[in-house]
Amino acid sequence: MAEPSVVLFWGDDEFLLRLEAHTLLEARGVRAVEVDASEWRGGETSDLATPSLWGEARALLVTRCQALADSGTKELTAYVASPAPDALCVLTHVTGGRTPPKLARAVGDGGGAARQVALRRADLPKWLVDRARTRSLKLEGPAAAELVRTLGDSPAVLDQAVEQLSVAFSGQPVGPEQVRAQFQGLGEQKVWDLFDRAFTGRAAEALVVLRTLLEALRIP
């Protein structure tokens, strides 16, 4: 069965959606032109229908499709309804809804695939162990659970923590003790980060830091 030439990833976490999109592109062995939907100018899909002079595969990654203007939505919807068979178009759509976005139906009607990307808090430790493995880091299950307890359930924050551990403990197994040693005093630092972002007008960043603090402290 032929692989779909259009794939839409949707869910409520932008980091996970981007991760899935890049994982797919890597698995297909193609490098994509990446466009943020908020910066759509028109004509981005035209290159997909034009054969490459060098024979390499064409690919386009459009992130945050929920931010598309009407003109961009019309162009993209028209493309996914009849996509170029030898090109790959990957889309991400951030939504807190439980049902697929409208774009998913157009993707399906054109023979593409729409896939929900979600990660429950209970599944985070296993996900972290797998992410550590990609960095050649042996992260023990209890250490992964300690990371979630300390840092909360933001996949982006946790993934960055795994990266930090892979540098700090290269070639060593990492247990809960190493996690606590690496992130000791993190709560105090995040309080200062919160104040810094709040008083310099970076409200969105301040909310992210606040959410991480509340999760770490288990405040509902």
N, C-alpha and C. Protein backbone atom coordinates (compact mmCIF):
# COMPACT_ATOMS: atom_id res chain seq x y z
N MET A 1 0.84 -1.19 0.00
CA MET A 1 0.00 0.00 0.00
C MET A 1 0.88 1.25 0.00
N ALA A 2 0.57 2.19 -0.89
CA ALA A 2 1.38 3.40 -1.00
C ALA A 2 1.23 4.27 0.24
N GLU A 3 2.32 4.91 0.63
CA GLU A 3 2.28 5.81 1.77
C GLU A 3 1.56 7.10 1.37
N PRO A 4 0.78 7.68 2.28
CA PRO A 4 0.04 8.90 1.93
C PRO A 4 0.99 10.06 1.63
N SER A 5 0.60 10.86 0.65
CA SER A 5 1.44 12.01 0.28
C SER A 5 1.09 13.25 1.07
N VAL A 6 0.01 13.19 1.86
CA VAL A 6 -0.35 14.28 2.78
C VAL A 6 -0.65 13.67 4.14
N VAL A 7 -0.02 14.20 5.18
CA VAL A 7 -0.25 13.71 6.54
C VAL A 7 -0.49 14.91 7.44
N LEU A 8 -1.59 14.87 8.17
CA LEU A 8 -1.93 15.92 9.14
C LEU A 8 -1.82 15.36 10.55
N PHE A 9 -1.03 16.02 11.38
CA PHE A 9 -0.95 15.68 12.80
C PHE A 9 -1.71 16.74 13.58
N TRP A 10 -2.62 16.30 14.45
CA TRP A 10 -3.39 17.26 15.24
C TRP A 10 -3.42 16.84 16.71
N GLY A 11 -3.52 17.83 17.58
CA GLY A 11 -3.53 17.59 19.02
C GLY A 11 -3.31 18.89 19.75
N ASP A 12 -3.16 18.81 21.08
CA ASP A 12 -3.11 20.04 21.87
C ASP A 12 -1.70 20.47 22.27
N ASP A 13 -0.67 19.73 21.85
CA ASP A 13 0.68 20.08 22.23
C ASP A 13 1.54 20.33 20.99
N GLU A 14 1.93 21.57 20.80
CA GLU A 14 2.67 21.95 19.58
C GLU A 14 4.01 21.23 19.48
N PHE A 15 4.69 21.05 20.61
CA PHE A 15 5.99 20.37 20.58
C PHE A 15 5.85 18.95 20.08
N LEU A 16 4.87 18.22 20.59
CA LEU A 16 4.67 16.83 20.16
C LEU A 16 4.32 16.74 18.68
N LEU A 17 3.52 17.69 18.21
CA LEU A 17 3.14 17.68 16.80
C LEU A 17 4.36 17.89 15.90
N ARG A 18 5.20 18.84 16.26
CA ARG A 18 6.41 19.10 15.48
C ARG A 18 7.34 17.89 15.52
N LEU A 19 7.43 17.27 16.68
CA LEU A 19 8.29 16.10 16.82
C LEU A 19 7.81 14.97 15.91
N GLU A 20 6.51 14.73 15.88
CA GLU A 20 5.96 13.69 15.01
C GLU A 20 6.18 14.02 13.54
N ALA A 21 6.01 15.30 13.20
CA ALA A 21 6.20 15.72 11.81
C ALA A 21 7.64 15.48 11.36
N HIS A 22 8.60 15.87 12.19
CA HIS A 22 10.00 15.70 11.81
C HIS A 22 10.41 14.23 11.82
N THR A 23 9.81 13.45 12.71
CA THR A 23 10.07 12.01 12.72
C THR A 23 9.61 11.37 11.41
N LEU A 24 8.44 11.79 10.93
CA LEU A 24 7.93 11.27 9.66
C LEU A 24 8.84 11.66 8.50
N LEU A 25 9.24 12.93 8.47
CA LEU A 25 10.11 13.39 7.39
C LEU A 25 11.43 12.62 7.38
N GLU A 26 11.96 12.39 8.56
CA GLU A 26 13.22 11.63 8.67
C GLU A 26 13.02 10.20 8.19
N ALA A 27 11.89 9.60 8.57
CA ALA A 27 11.62 8.22 8.16
C ALA A 27 11.45 8.11 6.65
N ARG A 28 10.90 9.14 6.04
CA ARG A 28 10.73 9.14 4.58
C ARG A 28 12.02 9.55 3.86
N GLY A 29 12.99 10.06 4.62
CA GLY A 29 14.26 10.44 4.02
C GLY A 29 14.21 11.69 3.17
N VAL A 30 13.34 12.65 3.57
CA VAL A 30 13.22 13.88 2.80
C VAL A 30 13.44 15.09 3.70
N ARG A 31 13.88 16.15 3.09
CA ARG A 31 14.04 17.43 3.80
C ARG A 31 12.97 18.38 3.30
N ALA A 32 12.22 18.96 4.22
CA ALA A 32 11.08 19.78 3.84
C ALA A 32 11.37 21.26 3.95
N VAL A 33 10.71 22.02 3.11
CA VAL A 33 10.61 23.47 3.31
C VAL A 33 9.58 23.68 4.41
N GLU A 34 9.94 24.42 5.46
CA GLU A 34 9.04 24.59 6.59
C GLU A 34 8.44 25.99 6.59
N VAL A 35 7.13 26.04 6.77
CA VAL A 35 6.40 27.31 6.77
C VAL A 35 5.48 27.35 7.98
N ASP A 36 5.57 28.44 8.75
CA ASP A 36 4.60 28.67 9.82
C ASP A 36 3.33 29.22 9.16
N ALA A 37 2.17 28.64 9.49
CA ALA A 37 0.93 29.03 8.84
C ALA A 37 0.62 30.52 9.01
N SER A 38 1.06 31.11 10.10
CA SER A 38 0.80 32.54 10.31
C SER A 38 1.58 33.41 9.34
N GLU A 39 2.60 32.83 8.67
CA GLU A 39 3.41 33.57 7.72
C GLU A 39 3.14 33.14 6.27
N TRP A 40 2.01 32.46 6.05
CA TRP A 40 1.65 31.98 4.72
C TRP A 40 1.49 33.17 3.76
N ARG A 41 2.14 33.10 2.61
CA ARG A 41 2.10 34.18 1.63
C ARG A 41 1.31 33.83 0.37
N GLY A 42 1.10 32.55 0.17
CA GLY A 42 0.41 32.09 -1.04
C GLY A 42 1.38 31.51 -2.04
N GLY A 43 0.99 30.40 -2.64
CA GLY A 43 1.84 29.76 -3.63
C GLY A 43 2.81 28.75 -3.05
N GLU A 44 2.75 28.50 -1.75
CA GLU A 44 3.70 27.57 -1.13
C GLU A 44 3.53 26.14 -1.65
N THR A 45 2.34 25.78 -2.07
CA THR A 45 2.13 24.40 -2.54
C THR A 45 2.54 24.21 -4.00
N SER A 46 2.81 25.30 -4.72
CA SER A 46 3.10 25.17 -6.15
C SER A 46 4.38 24.39 -6.42
N ASP A 47 5.38 24.53 -5.55
CA ASP A 47 6.64 23.82 -5.75
C ASP A 47 6.46 22.31 -5.64
N LEU A 48 5.45 21.87 -4.88
CA LEU A 48 5.24 20.43 -4.71
C LEU A 48 4.80 19.77 -6.01
N ALA A 49 4.14 20.53 -6.84
CA ALA A 49 3.64 19.98 -8.10
C ALA A 49 4.64 20.13 -9.24
N THR A 50 5.78 20.75 -8.96
CA THR A 50 6.80 20.97 -10.00
C THR A 50 7.91 19.94 -9.84
N PRO A 51 8.17 19.11 -10.83
CA PRO A 51 9.24 18.10 -10.72
C PRO A 51 10.59 18.76 -10.47
N SER A 52 11.39 18.14 -9.62
CA SER A 52 12.71 18.67 -9.32
C SER A 52 13.68 18.38 -10.46
N LEU A 53 14.53 19.36 -10.75
CA LEU A 53 15.53 19.17 -11.80
C LEU A 53 16.54 18.09 -11.42
N TRP A 54 16.75 17.91 -10.14
CA TRP A 54 17.76 16.95 -9.65
C TRP A 54 17.15 15.63 -9.21
N GLY A 55 15.85 15.52 -9.26
CA GLY A 55 15.20 14.26 -8.94
C GLY A 55 14.95 14.01 -7.47
N GLU A 56 15.29 14.97 -6.59
CA GLU A 56 15.06 14.73 -5.17
C GLU A 56 13.58 14.92 -4.84
N ALA A 57 13.16 14.27 -3.76
CA ALA A 57 11.75 14.34 -3.36
C ALA A 57 11.41 15.73 -2.85
N ARG A 58 10.21 16.19 -3.19
CA ARG A 58 9.72 17.47 -2.72
C ARG A 58 8.95 17.27 -1.41
N ALA A 59 9.12 18.19 -0.49
CA ALA A 59 8.38 18.08 0.77
C ALA A 59 8.11 19.47 1.34
N LEU A 60 6.94 19.62 1.95
CA LEU A 60 6.54 20.87 2.57
C LEU A 60 5.98 20.56 3.94
N LEU A 61 6.45 21.29 4.95
CA LEU A 61 5.92 21.17 6.30
C LEU A 61 5.25 22.49 6.66
N VAL A 62 3.96 22.43 6.94
CA VAL A 62 3.21 23.62 7.36
C VAL A 62 2.80 23.42 8.81
N THR A 63 3.32 24.24 9.69
CA THR A 63 3.02 24.10 11.12
C THR A 63 1.93 25.10 11.53
N ARG A 64 1.22 24.73 12.60
CA ARG A 64 0.19 25.59 13.19
C ARG A 64 -0.87 26.01 12.17
N CYS A 65 -1.45 25.03 11.49
CA CYS A 65 -2.44 25.33 10.45
C CYS A 65 -3.67 26.05 10.99
N GLN A 66 -3.87 26.01 12.30
CA GLN A 66 -5.00 26.74 12.89
C GLN A 66 -4.83 28.25 12.71
N ALA A 67 -3.62 28.70 12.39
CA ALA A 67 -3.35 30.13 12.21
C ALA A 67 -3.46 30.58 10.76
N LEU A 68 -3.85 29.69 9.85
CA LEU A 68 -3.97 30.05 8.44
C LEU A 68 -5.05 31.10 8.22
N ALA A 69 -4.75 32.08 7.37
CA ALA A 69 -5.77 33.01 6.93
C ALA A 69 -6.70 32.30 5.94
N ASP A 70 -7.82 32.91 5.62
CA ASP A 70 -8.79 32.27 4.73
C ASP A 70 -8.17 31.89 3.39
N SER A 71 -7.35 32.79 2.83
CA SER A 71 -6.74 32.51 1.53
C SER A 71 -5.81 31.30 1.62
N GLY A 72 -5.06 31.19 2.72
CA GLY A 72 -4.17 30.05 2.91
C GLY A 72 -4.94 28.76 3.10
N THR A 73 -6.05 28.84 3.84
CA THR A 73 -6.88 27.66 4.05
C THR A 73 -7.44 27.15 2.72
N LYS A 74 -7.89 28.07 1.86
CA LYS A 74 -8.43 27.68 0.56
C LYS A 74 -7.37 27.02 -0.31
N GLU A 75 -6.18 27.61 -0.34
CA GLU A 75 -5.10 27.05 -1.17
C GLU A 75 -4.70 25.67 -0.67
N LEU A 76 -4.53 25.54 0.64
CA LEU A 76 -4.08 24.26 1.19
C LEU A 76 -5.16 23.20 1.04
N THR A 77 -6.42 23.59 1.24
CA THR A 77 -7.52 22.64 1.09
C THR A 77 -7.60 22.13 -0.34
N ALA A 78 -7.41 23.03 -1.29
CA ALA A 78 -7.43 22.64 -2.70
C ALA A 78 -6.28 21.68 -3.01
N TYR A 79 -5.12 21.93 -2.41
CA TYR A 79 -3.97 21.05 -2.69
C TYR A 79 -4.19 19.66 -2.12
N VAL A 80 -4.60 19.57 -0.85
CA VAL A 80 -4.72 18.25 -0.21
C VAL A 80 -5.84 17.43 -0.84
N ALA A 81 -6.79 18.10 -1.52
CA ALA A 81 -7.86 17.36 -2.21
C ALA A 81 -7.32 16.62 -3.43
N SER A 82 -6.23 17.14 -4.01
CA SER A 82 -5.63 16.49 -5.18
C SER A 82 -4.12 16.71 -5.13
N PRO A 83 -3.44 16.03 -4.21
CA PRO A 83 -2.01 16.29 -4.00
C PRO A 83 -1.12 15.67 -5.08
N ALA A 84 0.08 16.22 -5.20
CA ALA A 84 1.07 15.63 -6.11
C ALA A 84 1.48 14.28 -5.54
N PRO A 85 1.40 13.21 -6.29
CA PRO A 85 1.67 11.87 -5.75
C PRO A 85 3.13 11.62 -5.38
N ASP A 86 4.07 12.37 -5.98
CA ASP A 86 5.48 12.12 -5.71
C ASP A 86 6.08 13.16 -4.77
N ALA A 87 5.23 13.90 -4.05
CA ALA A 87 5.69 14.89 -3.08
C ALA A 87 5.06 14.57 -1.73
N LEU A 88 5.62 15.15 -0.68
CA LEU A 88 5.09 14.92 0.67
C LEU A 88 4.74 16.26 1.30
N CYS A 89 3.51 16.35 1.78
CA CYS A 89 3.04 17.54 2.49
C CYS A 89 2.65 17.13 3.90
N VAL A 90 3.32 17.71 4.90
CA VAL A 90 3.06 17.38 6.30
C VAL A 90 2.50 18.62 6.98
N LEU A 91 1.41 18.44 7.73
CA LEU A 91 0.73 19.56 8.36
C LEU A 91 0.59 19.31 9.86
N THR A 92 0.65 20.37 10.65
CA THR A 92 0.32 20.25 12.07
C THR A 92 -0.77 21.25 12.40
N HIS A 93 -1.66 20.85 13.29
CA HIS A 93 -2.79 21.69 13.68
C HIS A 93 -2.97 21.57 15.18
N VAL A 94 -2.77 22.65 15.90
CA VAL A 94 -2.90 22.64 17.36
C VAL A 94 -4.36 22.91 17.73
N THR A 95 -4.94 22.00 18.47
CA THR A 95 -6.33 22.17 18.90
C THR A 95 -6.56 21.41 20.20
N GLY A 96 -7.36 22.00 21.06
CA GLY A 96 -7.72 21.33 22.30
C GLY A 96 -8.99 20.51 22.15
N GLY A 97 -9.56 20.49 20.96
CA GLY A 97 -10.78 19.74 20.73
C GLY A 97 -10.55 18.23 20.69
N ARG A 98 -11.60 17.50 20.89
CA ARG A 98 -11.52 16.04 20.89
C ARG A 98 -11.79 15.43 19.52
N THR A 99 -12.24 16.26 18.61
CA THR A 99 -12.52 15.78 17.25
C THR A 99 -11.54 16.42 16.29
N PRO A 100 -11.27 15.76 15.15
CA PRO A 100 -10.31 16.31 14.20
C PRO A 100 -10.75 17.67 13.66
N PRO A 101 -9.81 18.53 13.30
CA PRO A 101 -10.16 19.82 12.70
C PRO A 101 -10.76 19.62 11.32
N LYS A 102 -11.39 20.66 10.77
CA LYS A 102 -12.05 20.56 9.46
C LYS A 102 -11.07 20.14 8.37
N LEU A 103 -9.82 20.60 8.49
CA LEU A 103 -8.83 20.27 7.47
C LEU A 103 -8.61 18.77 7.35
N ALA A 104 -8.84 18.04 8.44
CA ALA A 104 -8.62 16.59 8.44
C ALA A 104 -9.54 15.90 7.44
N ARG A 105 -10.75 16.39 7.30
CA ARG A 105 -11.69 15.76 6.35
C ARG A 105 -11.20 15.94 4.91
N ALA A 106 -10.70 17.14 4.61
CA ALA A 106 -10.19 17.39 3.26
C ALA A 106 -8.97 16.51 2.99
N VAL A 107 -8.12 16.35 4.00
CA VAL A 107 -6.95 15.48 3.85
C VAL A 107 -7.37 14.05 3.57
N GLY A 108 -8.34 13.56 4.32
CA GLY A 108 -8.82 12.19 4.13
C GLY A 108 -9.48 11.99 2.78
N ASP A 109 -10.27 12.97 2.35
CA ASP A 109 -10.95 12.86 1.05
C ASP A 109 -9.94 12.80 -0.10
N GLY A 110 -8.77 13.40 0.09
CA GLY A 110 -7.75 13.39 -0.94
C GLY A 110 -6.81 12.19 -0.85
N GLY A 111 -7.11 11.27 0.04
CA GLY A 111 -6.28 10.07 0.18
C GLY A 111 -5.17 10.19 1.19
N GLY A 112 -5.15 11.31 1.93
CA GLY A 112 -4.12 11.50 2.95
C GLY A 112 -4.53 10.90 4.28
N ALA A 113 -3.70 11.14 5.30
CA ALA A 113 -3.95 10.58 6.63
C ALA A 113 -3.95 11.69 7.67
N ALA A 114 -4.88 11.62 8.60
CA ALA A 114 -4.95 12.55 9.73
C ALA A 114 -4.76 11.74 11.01
N ARG A 115 -3.78 12.14 11.81
CA ARG A 115 -3.45 11.35 13.00
C ARG A 115 -3.42 12.25 14.24
N GLN A 116 -4.14 11.83 15.26
CA GLN A 116 -4.11 12.56 16.52
C GLN A 116 -2.84 12.21 17.28
N VAL A 117 -2.20 13.22 17.87
CA VAL A 117 -0.99 13.02 18.67
C VAL A 117 -1.32 13.44 20.09
N ALA A 118 -1.29 12.50 21.00
CA ALA A 118 -1.63 12.79 22.40
C ALA A 118 -0.75 11.94 23.30
N LEU A 119 -0.48 12.48 24.48
CA LEU A 119 0.38 11.78 25.43
C LEU A 119 -0.18 12.00 26.83
N ARG A 120 -0.64 10.90 27.45
CA ARG A 120 -1.18 11.01 28.80
C ARG A 120 -0.04 11.16 29.81
N ARG A 121 -0.34 11.78 30.94
CA ARG A 121 0.68 11.97 31.97
C ARG A 121 1.24 10.62 32.41
N ALA A 122 0.37 9.61 32.48
CA ALA A 122 0.82 8.28 32.92
C ALA A 122 1.82 7.67 31.95
N ASP A 123 1.79 8.11 30.69
CA ASP A 123 2.69 7.56 29.68
C ASP A 123 4.00 8.33 29.55
N LEU A 124 4.11 9.44 30.26
CA LEU A 124 5.30 10.28 30.13
C LEU A 124 6.60 9.58 30.52
N PRO A 125 6.65 8.82 31.63
CA PRO A 125 7.92 8.16 31.98
C PRO A 125 8.44 7.25 30.87
N LYS A 126 7.57 6.44 30.28
CA LYS A 126 8.02 5.57 29.19
C LYS A 126 8.48 6.40 27.99
N TRP A 127 7.74 7.45 27.69
CA TRP A 127 8.12 8.33 26.58
C TRP A 127 9.50 8.93 26.84
N LEU A 128 9.77 9.32 28.08
CA LEU A 128 11.07 9.91 28.42
C LEU A 128 12.19 8.88 28.29
N VAL A 129 11.93 7.66 28.69
CA VAL A 129 12.94 6.61 28.54
C VAL A 129 13.27 6.43 27.06
N ASP A 130 12.24 6.46 26.21
CA ASP A 130 12.47 6.31 24.77
C ASP A 130 13.23 7.51 24.21
N ARG A 131 12.87 8.71 24.65
CA ARG A 131 13.57 9.91 24.19
C ARG A 131 15.03 9.89 24.63
N ALA A 132 15.27 9.38 25.83
CA ALA A 132 16.65 9.28 26.32
C ALA A 132 17.45 8.30 25.47
N ARG A 133 16.80 7.23 25.05
CA ARG A 133 17.48 6.21 24.24
C ARG A 133 17.97 6.81 22.92
N THR A 134 17.22 7.74 22.35
CA THR A 134 17.65 8.35 21.09
C THR A 134 18.89 9.20 21.28
N ARG A 135 19.18 9.56 22.53
CA ARG A 135 20.38 10.35 22.83
C ARG A 135 21.46 9.48 23.47
N SER A 136 21.30 8.17 23.38
CA SER A 136 22.25 7.21 23.96
C SER A 136 22.38 7.40 25.47
N LEU A 137 21.29 7.77 26.11
CA LEU A 137 21.26 7.94 27.56
C LEU A 137 20.41 6.84 28.17
N LYS A 138 20.94 6.17 29.19
CA LYS A 138 20.19 5.14 29.88
C LYS A 138 19.46 5.78 31.06
N LEU A 139 18.21 6.12 30.83
CA LEU A 139 17.38 6.75 31.85
C LEU A 139 16.49 5.68 32.48
N GLU A 140 16.63 5.47 33.78
CA GLU A 140 15.85 4.46 34.47
C GLU A 140 14.41 4.93 34.65
N GLY A 141 13.48 3.97 34.72
CA GLY A 141 12.07 4.30 34.88
C GLY A 141 11.79 5.20 36.07
N PRO A 142 12.33 4.87 37.27
CA PRO A 142 12.09 5.75 38.43
C PRO A 142 12.66 7.16 38.22
N ALA A 143 13.74 7.27 37.46
CA ALA A 143 14.31 8.59 37.18
C ALA A 143 13.38 9.38 36.27
N ALA A 144 12.79 8.70 35.31
CA ALA A 144 11.82 9.38 34.43
C ALA A 144 10.62 9.87 35.23
N ALA A 145 10.15 9.04 36.15
CA ALA A 145 9.03 9.44 37.00
C ALA A 145 9.41 10.63 37.88
N GLU A 146 10.66 10.66 38.33
CA GLU A 146 11.13 11.77 39.16
C GLU A 146 11.19 13.06 38.34
N LEU A 147 11.55 12.94 37.07
CA LEU A 147 11.56 14.12 36.19
C LEU A 147 10.16 14.71 36.07
N VAL A 148 9.16 13.85 35.88
CA VAL A 148 7.78 14.32 35.75
C VAL A 148 7.33 14.96 37.06
N ARG A 149 7.68 14.35 38.18
CA ARG A 149 7.28 14.90 39.48
C ARG A 149 7.91 16.26 39.71
N THR A 150 9.15 16.43 39.27
CA THR A 150 9.87 17.66 39.52
C THR A 150 9.52 18.78 38.55
N LEU A 151 9.37 18.42 37.27
CA LEU A 151 9.24 19.44 36.23
C LEU A 151 7.83 19.59 35.67
N GLY A 152 6.92 18.68 36.00
CA GLY A 152 5.58 18.76 35.44
C GLY A 152 5.44 17.94 34.18
N ASP A 153 4.37 18.18 33.44
CA ASP A 153 4.05 17.30 32.31
C ASP A 153 4.20 17.96 30.94
N SER A 154 4.94 19.04 30.85
CA SER A 154 5.18 19.66 29.55
C SER A 154 6.22 18.85 28.78
N PRO A 155 5.85 18.22 27.66
CA PRO A 155 6.81 17.42 26.90
C PRO A 155 8.04 18.22 26.46
N ALA A 156 7.85 19.48 26.09
CA ALA A 156 8.98 20.29 25.64
C ALA A 156 9.99 20.50 26.77
N VAL A 157 9.49 20.81 27.97
CA VAL A 157 10.36 21.01 29.13
C VAL A 157 11.07 19.71 29.49
N LEU A 158 10.32 18.61 29.49
CA LEU A 158 10.90 17.32 29.85
C LEU A 158 11.94 16.86 28.84
N ASP A 159 11.66 17.09 27.57
CA ASP A 159 12.62 16.69 26.54
C ASP A 159 13.92 17.48 26.67
N GLN A 160 13.80 18.76 27.00
CA GLN A 160 15.00 19.56 27.20
C GLN A 160 15.77 19.07 28.43
N ALA A 161 15.05 18.62 29.45
CA ALA A 161 15.71 18.08 30.64
C ALA A 161 16.49 16.81 30.31
N VAL A 162 15.92 15.97 29.45
CA VAL A 162 16.63 14.76 29.02
C VAL A 162 17.91 15.14 28.29
N GLU A 163 17.82 16.16 27.44
CA GLU A 163 19.01 16.64 26.73
C GLU A 163 20.08 17.09 27.72
N GLN A 164 19.66 17.80 28.75
CA GLN A 164 20.60 18.28 29.77
C GLN A 164 21.24 17.12 30.51
N LEU A 165 20.45 16.11 30.83
CA LEU A 165 20.98 14.94 31.52
C LEU A 165 21.96 14.17 30.64
N SER A 166 21.68 14.10 29.35
CA SER A 166 22.57 13.36 28.44
C SER A 166 23.94 14.01 28.36
N VAL A 167 23.99 15.32 28.56
CA VAL A 167 25.27 16.02 28.57
C VAL A 167 25.97 15.87 29.92
N ALA A 168 25.19 16.01 30.98
CA ALA A 168 25.77 15.96 32.33
C ALA A 168 26.23 14.57 32.73
N PHE A 169 25.53 13.53 32.24
CA PHE A 169 25.84 12.16 32.66
C PHE A 169 26.10 11.26 31.45
N SER A 170 26.87 11.76 30.51
CA SER A 170 27.17 11.01 29.29
C SER A 170 27.81 9.67 29.63
N GLY A 171 27.23 8.59 29.08
CA GLY A 171 27.78 7.26 29.30
C GLY A 171 27.45 6.65 30.64
N GLN A 172 26.64 7.30 31.46
CA GLN A 172 26.30 6.80 32.78
C GLN A 172 24.80 6.54 32.88
N PRO A 173 24.40 5.51 33.63
CA PRO A 173 22.96 5.34 33.88
C PRO A 173 22.46 6.44 34.81
N VAL A 174 21.25 6.90 34.58
CA VAL A 174 20.69 8.01 35.35
C VAL A 174 19.50 7.51 36.16
N GLY A 175 19.60 7.67 37.48
CA GLY A 175 18.52 7.31 38.38
C GLY A 175 17.94 8.53 39.04
N PRO A 176 17.02 8.34 39.98
CA PRO A 176 16.39 9.48 40.65
C PRO A 176 17.39 10.41 41.35
N GLU A 177 18.49 9.83 41.89
CA GLU A 177 19.47 10.66 42.59
C GLU A 177 20.13 11.66 41.64
N GLN A 178 20.45 11.20 40.45
CA GLN A 178 21.07 12.10 39.47
C GLN A 178 20.09 13.18 39.02
N VAL A 179 18.82 12.81 38.89
CA VAL A 179 17.81 13.81 38.51
C VAL A 179 17.70 14.89 39.58
N ARG A 180 17.63 14.46 40.83
CA ARG A 180 17.52 15.44 41.91
C ARG A 180 18.76 16.31 42.00
N ALA A 181 19.92 15.72 41.79
CA ALA A 181 21.16 16.50 41.85
C ALA A 181 21.23 17.53 40.72
N GLN A 182 20.75 17.14 39.56
CA GLN A 182 20.83 18.03 38.40
C GLN A 182 19.85 19.20 38.49
N PHE A 183 18.68 18.93 39.07
CA PHE A 183 17.64 19.96 39.08
C PHE A 183 17.34 20.50 40.47
N GLN A 184 18.27 20.32 41.40
CA GLN A 184 18.10 20.86 42.74
C GLN A 184 18.02 22.39 42.66
N GLY A 185 17.05 22.96 43.37
CA GLY A 185 16.90 24.41 43.35
C GLY A 185 16.17 24.94 42.14
N LEU A 186 15.64 24.03 41.32
CA LEU A 186 14.97 24.46 40.10
C LEU A 186 13.75 25.32 40.40
N GLY A 187 13.02 24.97 41.48
CA GLY A 187 11.83 25.73 41.82
C GLY A 187 12.15 27.19 42.09
N GLU A 188 13.23 27.43 42.86
CA GLU A 188 13.60 28.81 43.15
C GLU A 188 13.98 29.57 41.89
N GLN A 189 14.71 28.88 40.99
CA GLN A 189 15.11 29.53 39.74
C GLN A 189 13.89 29.88 38.89
N LYS A 190 12.90 28.98 38.87
CA LYS A 190 11.73 29.24 38.06
C LYS A 190 10.90 30.40 38.62
N VAL A 191 10.93 30.61 39.93
CA VAL A 191 10.25 31.77 40.50
C VAL A 191 10.86 33.05 39.95
N TRP A 192 12.19 33.09 39.91
CA TRP A 192 12.85 34.28 39.34
C TRP A 192 12.55 34.40 37.85
N ASP A 193 12.50 33.27 37.14
CA ASP A 193 12.14 33.30 35.71
C ASP A 193 10.74 33.85 35.52
N LEU A 194 9.82 33.45 36.42
CA LEU A 194 8.45 33.92 36.33
C LEU A 194 8.38 35.43 36.50
N PHE A 195 9.05 35.95 37.53
CA PHE A 195 9.05 37.40 37.76
C PHE A 195 9.67 38.14 36.59
N ASP A 196 10.78 37.60 36.07
CA ASP A 196 11.48 38.26 34.98
C ASP A 196 10.57 38.41 33.76
N ARG A 197 9.88 37.33 33.40
CA ARG A 197 9.03 37.37 32.22
C ARG A 197 7.79 38.23 32.45
N ALA A 198 7.23 38.17 33.66
CA ALA A 198 6.02 38.94 33.96
C ALA A 198 6.30 40.44 33.93
N PHE A 199 7.42 40.87 34.54
CA PHE A 199 7.70 42.30 34.64
C PHE A 199 8.29 42.89 33.37
N THR A 200 8.66 42.03 32.41
CA THR A 200 9.15 42.55 31.12
C THR A 200 8.09 42.38 30.03
N GLY A 201 6.86 42.12 30.45
CA GLY A 201 5.75 42.09 29.50
C GLY A 201 5.61 40.83 28.69
N ARG A 202 6.36 39.75 29.03
CA ARG A 202 6.27 38.51 28.27
C ARG A 202 5.25 37.58 28.93
N ALA A 203 3.97 37.97 28.80
CA ALA A 203 2.91 37.28 29.53
C ALA A 203 2.79 35.81 29.15
N ALA A 204 2.87 35.50 27.85
CA ALA A 204 2.73 34.11 27.41
C ALA A 204 3.83 33.23 28.01
N GLU A 205 5.07 33.73 27.98
CA GLU A 205 6.18 32.95 28.56
C GLU A 205 6.01 32.82 30.06
N ALA A 206 5.52 33.87 30.72
CA ALA A 206 5.30 33.82 32.17
C ALA A 206 4.28 32.75 32.53
N LEU A 207 3.24 32.62 31.72
CA LEU A 207 2.21 31.60 31.98
C LEU A 207 2.78 30.19 31.85
N VAL A 208 3.68 29.99 30.88
CA VAL A 208 4.31 28.68 30.73
C VAL A 208 5.12 28.33 31.96
N VAL A 209 5.91 29.31 32.45
CA VAL A 209 6.72 29.07 33.64
C VAL A 209 5.83 28.81 34.85
N LEU A 210 4.75 29.59 34.98
CA LEU A 210 3.83 29.41 36.10
C LEU A 210 3.21 28.02 36.08
N ARG A 211 2.81 27.56 34.88
CA ARG A 211 2.21 26.23 34.76
C ARG A 211 3.19 25.14 35.21
N THR A 212 4.45 25.30 34.81
CA THR A 212 5.45 24.32 35.19
C THR A 212 5.64 24.30 36.71
N LEU A 213 5.64 25.49 37.32
CA LEU A 213 5.79 25.58 38.77
C LEU A 213 4.62 24.89 39.49
N LEU A 214 3.40 25.17 39.04
CA LEU A 214 2.24 24.58 39.67
C LEU A 214 2.24 23.07 39.55
N GLU A 215 2.64 22.57 38.36
CA GLU A 215 2.70 21.11 38.17
C GLU A 215 3.75 20.51 39.09
N ALA A 216 4.90 21.16 39.21
CA ALA A 216 5.97 20.64 40.05
C ALA A 216 5.57 20.60 41.51
N LEU A 217 4.76 21.59 41.93
CA LEU A 217 4.32 21.66 43.31
C LEU A 217 3.03 20.90 43.55
N ARG A 218 2.47 20.32 42.45
CA ARG A 218 1.21 19.56 42.53
C ARG A 218 0.07 20.41 43.07
N ILE A 219 0.04 21.67 42.62
CA ILE A 219 -1.07 22.55 43.01
C ILE A 219 -2.13 22.45 41.93
N PRO A 220 -3.36 22.06 42.23
CA PRO A 220 -4.37 21.88 41.21
C PRO A 220 -4.87 23.21 40.66
